[in-house]
Every structure is written in structure tokens, then in C-alpha cells.
Amino acid sequence: MNTKVQVTILDDLSVWLTPPELQIVAKLLPEMSSEKDILDVKNILLNYRENLDTKMLKKLAQKFNVEKELKPFL
């Protein structure tokens, strides 16, 4: 899995996007887990659950030590 992908929008504007699995893990990091971040995690899961790579999500959660924080959402 690539951690980022660059896409061009509006013919001349390039932006970087991250996959939802990485966004979820980043928002569960201790320094990031505000109420808004937790709401974002819930919304990402609601909107992308069918397309999430749960194996990758769990692997990333383990790598960044947020397995405990992720567990209630799965």
C-alpha cells in the first residue's frame, strides 16, 4: 500500500491524498486524538468500511501502537 498518492485536480492543482487506513491510525495517535479526530475516525469507518483493507489497518495500528485505541471501532 502506498502511503500517499498525488493527484491533479482542476487541471493544474496537484494534491497529496492518504488512504483511509493511514488517516484512521494517524487520528488515533495520542497527540492527535481530540474529540474531532475521534469523530473523523467514526466517519471514515462509516463511509469506507466496505473498502477498507482491515489487514493493513491492523498492521498500521500495531506499527504505531494504537491497537488498543482502534479495537472499539472494529
N, C-alpha and C. Protein backbone atom coordinates (compact mmCIF):
# COMPACT_ATOMS: atom_id res chain seq x y z
N MET A 1 0.84 -1.18 0.00
CA MET A 1 0.00 0.00 0.00
C MET A 1 0.88 1.24 0.00
N ASN A 2 0.61 2.13 -0.92
CA ASN A 2 1.30 3.42 -0.90
C ASN A 2 0.74 4.24 0.25
N THR A 3 1.60 5.00 0.88
CA THR A 3 1.12 5.83 1.98
C THR A 3 0.51 7.13 1.49
N LYS A 4 0.88 7.56 0.30
CA LYS A 4 0.30 8.77 -0.28
C LYS A 4 0.24 8.58 -1.79
N VAL A 5 -0.67 9.33 -2.39
CA VAL A 5 -0.75 9.35 -3.84
C VAL A 5 -1.00 10.79 -4.27
N GLN A 6 -0.34 11.20 -5.32
CA GLN A 6 -0.50 12.56 -5.82
C GLN A 6 -1.50 12.53 -6.97
N VAL A 7 -2.50 13.41 -6.88
CA VAL A 7 -3.49 13.52 -7.94
C VAL A 7 -3.58 14.97 -8.38
N THR A 8 -4.00 15.16 -9.62
CA THR A 8 -4.17 16.51 -10.15
C THR A 8 -5.66 16.78 -10.28
N ILE A 9 -6.06 17.91 -9.74
CA ILE A 9 -7.46 18.33 -9.85
C ILE A 9 -7.51 19.71 -10.47
N LEU A 10 -8.61 20.05 -11.02
CA LEU A 10 -8.80 21.36 -11.65
C LEU A 10 -7.71 21.66 -12.68
N ASP A 11 -7.28 20.63 -13.38
CA ASP A 11 -6.30 20.73 -14.46
C ASP A 11 -4.89 21.14 -14.07
N ASP A 12 -4.70 21.85 -12.98
CA ASP A 12 -3.35 22.30 -12.67
C ASP A 12 -3.00 22.29 -11.18
N LEU A 13 -3.86 21.75 -10.37
CA LEU A 13 -3.61 21.73 -8.93
C LEU A 13 -3.31 20.30 -8.50
N SER A 14 -2.10 20.07 -8.02
CA SER A 14 -1.71 18.75 -7.53
C SER A 14 -1.87 18.71 -6.02
N VAL A 15 -2.48 17.63 -5.54
CA VAL A 15 -2.66 17.44 -4.10
C VAL A 15 -2.25 16.02 -3.74
N TRP A 16 -1.84 15.84 -2.49
CA TRP A 16 -1.47 14.52 -1.98
C TRP A 16 -2.63 13.99 -1.15
N LEU A 17 -2.97 12.73 -1.36
CA LEU A 17 -4.03 12.07 -0.60
C LEU A 17 -3.45 10.87 0.14
N THR A 18 -3.97 10.61 1.31
CA THR A 18 -3.55 9.43 2.07
C THR A 18 -4.72 8.46 2.13
N PRO A 19 -4.44 7.17 2.18
CA PRO A 19 -5.52 6.17 2.25
C PRO A 19 -6.24 6.26 3.60
N PRO A 20 -7.50 5.84 3.63
CA PRO A 20 -8.27 5.93 4.88
C PRO A 20 -7.65 5.16 6.03
N GLU A 21 -7.00 4.03 5.74
CA GLU A 21 -6.37 3.24 6.82
C GLU A 21 -5.32 4.06 7.56
N LEU A 22 -4.53 4.80 6.82
CA LEU A 22 -3.49 5.63 7.44
C LEU A 22 -4.10 6.83 8.16
N GLN A 23 -5.16 7.39 7.61
CA GLN A 23 -5.84 8.51 8.26
C GLN A 23 -6.40 8.08 9.61
N ILE A 24 -7.00 6.90 9.64
CA ILE A 24 -7.57 6.39 10.90
C ILE A 24 -6.48 6.25 11.96
N VAL A 25 -5.40 5.60 11.60
CA VAL A 25 -4.30 5.37 12.56
C VAL A 25 -3.72 6.70 13.02
N ALA A 26 -3.51 7.63 12.11
CA ALA A 26 -2.95 8.93 12.48
C ALA A 26 -3.84 9.65 13.48
N LYS A 27 -5.15 9.55 13.30
CA LYS A 27 -6.07 10.24 14.19
C LYS A 27 -6.21 9.57 15.55
N LEU A 28 -5.74 8.34 15.66
CA LEU A 28 -5.76 7.64 16.95
C LEU A 28 -4.48 7.80 17.74
N LEU A 29 -3.47 8.43 17.16
CA LEU A 29 -2.23 8.68 17.89
C LEU A 29 -2.51 9.57 19.09
N PRO A 30 -1.82 9.34 20.21
CA PRO A 30 -2.10 10.11 21.43
C PRO A 30 -2.09 11.62 21.22
N GLU A 31 -1.15 12.12 20.44
CA GLU A 31 -1.07 13.57 20.25
C GLU A 31 -2.13 14.10 19.29
N MET A 32 -2.91 13.21 18.68
CA MET A 32 -3.91 13.64 17.70
C MET A 32 -5.34 13.36 18.13
N SER A 33 -5.55 12.57 19.14
CA SER A 33 -6.88 12.05 19.42
C SER A 33 -7.80 13.02 20.16
N SER A 34 -8.13 14.11 19.49
CA SER A 34 -9.11 15.05 20.03
C SER A 34 -10.52 14.50 19.75
N GLU A 35 -11.53 15.15 20.28
CA GLU A 35 -12.91 14.75 20.01
C GLU A 35 -13.19 14.79 18.51
N LYS A 36 -12.66 15.79 17.83
CA LYS A 36 -12.85 15.92 16.39
C LYS A 36 -12.18 14.76 15.65
N ASP A 37 -10.98 14.37 16.08
CA ASP A 37 -10.29 13.24 15.45
C ASP A 37 -11.07 11.95 15.63
N ILE A 38 -11.62 11.72 16.80
CA ILE A 38 -12.42 10.52 17.05
C ILE A 38 -13.67 10.53 16.18
N LEU A 39 -14.30 11.68 16.04
CA LEU A 39 -15.45 11.81 15.15
C LEU A 39 -15.04 11.53 13.70
N ASP A 40 -13.88 12.02 13.31
CA ASP A 40 -13.36 11.75 11.96
C ASP A 40 -13.16 10.25 11.74
N VAL A 41 -12.62 9.55 12.73
CA VAL A 41 -12.41 8.10 12.62
C VAL A 41 -13.76 7.42 12.40
N LYS A 42 -14.76 7.80 13.18
CA LYS A 42 -16.09 7.20 13.04
C LYS A 42 -16.64 7.45 11.64
N ASN A 43 -16.47 8.66 11.14
CA ASN A 43 -16.98 8.99 9.81
C ASN A 43 -16.22 8.27 8.70
N ILE A 44 -14.91 8.14 8.84
CA ILE A 44 -14.13 7.40 7.85
C ILE A 44 -14.60 5.95 7.81
N LEU A 45 -14.77 5.36 8.98
CA LEU A 45 -15.24 3.97 9.04
C LEU A 45 -16.64 3.83 8.46
N LEU A 46 -17.50 4.78 8.74
CA LEU A 46 -18.87 4.75 8.22
C LEU A 46 -18.87 4.81 6.69
N ASN A 47 -18.02 5.67 6.14
CA ASN A 47 -18.03 5.89 4.69
C ASN A 47 -17.18 4.91 3.89
N TYR A 48 -16.17 4.31 4.51
CA TYR A 48 -15.23 3.47 3.77
C TYR A 48 -15.16 2.02 4.25
N ARG A 49 -15.98 1.64 5.20
CA ARG A 49 -15.87 0.32 5.82
C ARG A 49 -15.80 -0.81 4.79
N GLU A 50 -16.62 -0.76 3.76
CA GLU A 50 -16.64 -1.84 2.77
C GLU A 50 -15.35 -1.93 1.97
N ASN A 51 -14.65 -0.81 1.82
CA ASN A 51 -13.44 -0.78 1.00
C ASN A 51 -12.14 -0.76 1.81
N LEU A 52 -12.25 -0.77 3.13
CA LEU A 52 -11.05 -0.72 3.96
C LEU A 52 -10.27 -2.02 3.88
N ASP A 53 -8.97 -1.89 3.87
CA ASP A 53 -8.08 -3.05 3.97
C ASP A 53 -7.83 -3.25 5.47
N THR A 54 -8.67 -4.07 6.08
CA THR A 54 -8.58 -4.23 7.54
C THR A 54 -7.27 -4.88 7.97
N LYS A 55 -6.72 -5.73 7.12
CA LYS A 55 -5.42 -6.32 7.43
C LYS A 55 -4.36 -5.23 7.52
N MET A 56 -4.36 -4.32 6.56
CA MET A 56 -3.41 -3.20 6.56
C MET A 56 -3.69 -2.27 7.74
N LEU A 57 -4.96 -2.02 8.02
CA LEU A 57 -5.33 -1.15 9.14
C LEU A 57 -4.77 -1.71 10.46
N LYS A 58 -4.94 -3.00 10.67
CA LYS A 58 -4.43 -3.62 11.89
C LYS A 58 -2.90 -3.61 11.94
N LYS A 59 -2.28 -3.82 10.79
CA LYS A 59 -0.82 -3.79 10.72
C LYS A 59 -0.29 -2.39 11.05
N LEU A 60 -0.93 -1.36 10.51
CA LEU A 60 -0.53 0.02 10.81
C LEU A 60 -0.78 0.36 12.28
N ALA A 61 -1.91 -0.11 12.81
CA ALA A 61 -2.22 0.14 14.23
C ALA A 61 -1.15 -0.48 15.12
N GLN A 62 -0.70 -1.67 14.76
CA GLN A 62 0.36 -2.32 15.53
C GLN A 62 1.66 -1.53 15.41
N LYS A 63 2.00 -1.13 14.19
CA LYS A 63 3.24 -0.40 13.96
C LYS A 63 3.30 0.90 14.76
N PHE A 64 2.16 1.59 14.89
CA PHE A 64 2.12 2.88 15.57
C PHE A 64 1.55 2.79 16.99
N ASN A 65 1.43 1.56 17.50
CA ASN A 65 0.99 1.33 18.88
C ASN A 65 -0.36 1.94 19.21
N VAL A 66 -1.33 1.78 18.33
CA VAL A 66 -2.68 2.27 18.61
C VAL A 66 -3.72 1.15 18.49
N GLU A 67 -3.26 -0.08 18.68
CA GLU A 67 -4.17 -1.23 18.60
C GLU A 67 -5.30 -1.12 19.61
N LYS A 68 -4.97 -0.73 20.83
CA LYS A 68 -5.97 -0.59 21.89
C LYS A 68 -6.99 0.48 21.53
N GLU A 69 -6.53 1.58 20.95
CA GLU A 69 -7.43 2.67 20.58
C GLU A 69 -8.31 2.29 19.39
N LEU A 70 -7.80 1.45 18.50
CA LEU A 70 -8.55 1.03 17.31
C LEU A 70 -9.62 0.01 17.64
N LYS A 71 -9.35 -0.87 18.59
CA LYS A 71 -10.22 -2.00 18.89
C LYS A 71 -11.71 -1.64 19.03
N PRO A 72 -12.08 -0.59 19.75
CA PRO A 72 -13.52 -0.28 19.90
C PRO A 72 -14.22 0.06 18.58
N PHE A 73 -13.47 0.43 17.58
CA PHE A 73 -14.06 0.82 16.31
C PHE A 73 -14.27 -0.34 15.35
N LEU A 74 -13.65 -1.48 15.65
CA LEU A 74 -13.75 -2.62 14.73
C LEU A 74 -14.82 -3.61 15.16
